[in-house]
Amino acid sequence: MAERLPTELWVKAHAARCSAQGISFMVMRRGDQHRGVVIAKLHLIGQGFRVVAQARDLEGDLVWAAALEGNIVPEADADAYIERQVSYDPDIWVIEVELRGDDEWFRGPVI
């Protein structure tokens, strides 16, 4: 089982990594500092938005669960999905990342 970093530290590390690579990264909503799940709103420039959420596999390793059936959707649809999730779990963090081309800023498989 992978060691679990506090969510705030994970977010800060990825913000720094994106900044170093010239990738736009914004924290749209702060959740629980230690155990909040991260939802990533991926802005695929010129295409739309994809939403993924952190999850853990059976071994406890980080994976990403594709939301909205993995589809690229308009921003309003992505925002509506995220708002529903936040209404269920107020500890959720929401980040937005602008991606151009094949940028892959996160690690872990998307399921």
Protein backbone atom coordinates (compact mmCIF):
# COMPACT_ATOMS: atom_id res chain seq x y z
CA MET A 1 0.00 0.00 0.00
CA ALA A 2 1.36 3.40 -0.98
CA GLU A 3 2.05 6.01 1.69
CA ARG A 4 -0.72 8.56 1.71
CA LEU A 5 0.33 12.20 1.57
CA PRO A 6 -1.91 14.83 3.13
CA THR A 7 -4.08 16.25 0.36
CA GLU A 8 -2.88 19.82 0.83
CA LEU A 9 0.75 18.72 0.39
CA TRP A 10 -0.16 16.70 -2.71
CA VAL A 11 -1.93 19.73 -4.23
CA LYS A 12 0.96 22.07 -3.43
CA ALA A 13 3.48 19.66 -4.95
CA HIS A 14 1.48 19.37 -8.16
CA ALA A 15 0.97 23.13 -8.33
CA ALA A 16 4.75 23.60 -8.13
CA ARG A 17 5.35 20.90 -10.72
CA CYS A 18 2.87 22.48 -13.14
CA SER A 19 4.35 25.93 -12.58
CA ALA A 20 7.83 24.61 -13.39
CA GLN A 21 6.47 23.13 -16.62
CA GLY A 22 4.50 26.25 -17.61
CA ILE A 23 1.14 24.52 -17.12
CA SER A 24 -1.73 26.59 -15.71
CA PHE A 25 -2.89 25.08 -12.39
CA MET A 26 -5.56 26.63 -10.17
CA VAL A 27 -7.04 25.54 -6.87
CA MET A 28 -10.74 26.24 -7.34
CA ARG A 29 -11.85 24.83 -3.99
CA ARG A 30 -9.99 23.80 -0.86
CA GLY A 31 -11.21 20.75 1.01
CA ASP A 32 -9.98 18.84 4.03
CA GLN A 33 -6.23 19.39 4.46
CA HIS A 34 -5.45 15.79 5.26
CA ARG A 35 -7.95 13.44 3.64
CA GLY A 36 -9.92 15.40 1.04
CA VAL A 37 -10.32 13.78 -2.36
CA VAL A 38 -9.11 15.77 -5.38
CA ILE A 39 -11.32 16.33 -8.40
CA ALA A 40 -9.40 17.60 -11.42
CA LYS A 41 -11.17 19.65 -14.06
CA LEU A 42 -8.91 19.28 -17.08
CA HIS A 43 -9.30 22.08 -19.60
CA LEU A 44 -8.35 20.58 -22.94
CA ILE A 45 -7.70 23.78 -24.88
CA GLY A 46 -9.90 23.99 -27.96
CA GLN A 47 -11.81 20.82 -27.09
CA GLY A 48 -13.65 21.17 -23.79
CA PHE A 49 -13.28 19.70 -20.32
CA ARG A 50 -12.63 16.27 -18.86
CA VAL A 51 -13.17 15.53 -15.17
CA VAL A 52 -11.29 12.92 -13.15
CA ALA A 53 -11.35 12.20 -9.42
CA GLN A 54 -8.80 10.61 -7.14
CA ALA A 55 -9.58 7.12 -5.97
CA ARG A 56 -7.64 4.25 -4.43
CA ASP A 57 -7.38 0.79 -5.90
CA LEU A 58 -7.53 -2.41 -3.84
CA GLU A 59 -3.85 -2.08 -2.92
CA GLY A 60 -4.35 1.53 -1.78
CA ASP A 61 -2.51 3.07 -4.72
CA LEU A 62 -3.69 6.30 -6.31
CA VAL A 63 -5.72 5.99 -9.48
CA TRP A 64 -7.99 8.43 -11.28
CA ALA A 65 -11.66 7.66 -11.85
CA ALA A 66 -13.01 9.18 -15.03
CA ALA A 67 -16.20 11.16 -14.43
CA LEU A 68 -18.95 11.77 -16.96
CA GLU A 69 -18.05 8.49 -18.67
CA GLY A 70 -14.65 9.94 -19.57
CA ASN A 71 -16.23 12.25 -22.13
CA ILE A 72 -15.01 15.70 -23.08
CA VAL A 73 -17.85 18.03 -22.11
CA PRO A 74 -18.71 21.75 -22.08
CA GLU A 75 -17.54 23.66 -19.00
CA ALA A 76 -21.10 24.01 -17.67
CA ASP A 77 -21.49 20.21 -17.59
CA ALA A 78 -18.14 19.77 -15.83
CA ASP A 79 -19.06 22.43 -13.25
CA ALA A 80 -22.49 20.89 -12.62
CA TYR A 81 -20.91 17.48 -11.99
CA ILE A 82 -18.36 18.97 -9.60
CA GLU A 83 -21.03 20.89 -7.69
CA ARG A 84 -23.03 17.69 -7.22
CA GLN A 85 -19.97 15.91 -5.85
CA VAL A 86 -19.19 18.78 -3.46
CA SER A 87 -22.77 18.69 -2.19
CA TYR A 88 -22.22 15.02 -1.23
CA ASP A 89 -18.74 15.53 0.23
CA PRO A 90 -17.71 19.00 1.45
CA ASP A 91 -14.10 17.81 2.00
CA ILE A 92 -13.39 17.64 -1.75
CA TRP A 93 -10.63 19.71 -3.34
CA VAL A 94 -11.20 21.00 -6.88
CA ILE A 95 -8.31 21.90 -9.14
CA GLU A 96 -8.33 23.08 -12.74
CA VAL A 97 -5.47 22.38 -15.09
CA GLU A 98 -5.08 23.74 -18.63
CA LEU A 99 -3.62 21.15 -20.98
CA ARG A 100 -2.32 21.70 -24.46
CA GLY A 101 -1.64 18.70 -26.65
CA ASP A 102 -0.52 15.60 -24.81
CA ASP A 103 0.46 17.23 -21.50
CA GLU A 104 0.10 14.69 -18.70
CA TRP A 105 0.55 16.47 -15.41
CA PHE A 106 -0.79 13.75 -13.11
CA ARG A 107 0.43 10.28 -12.34
CA GLY A 108 -1.60 7.13 -12.02
CA PRO A 109 -3.93 5.22 -14.30
CA VAL A 110 -7.38 6.52 -15.23
CA ILE A 111 -10.06 3.91 -14.64
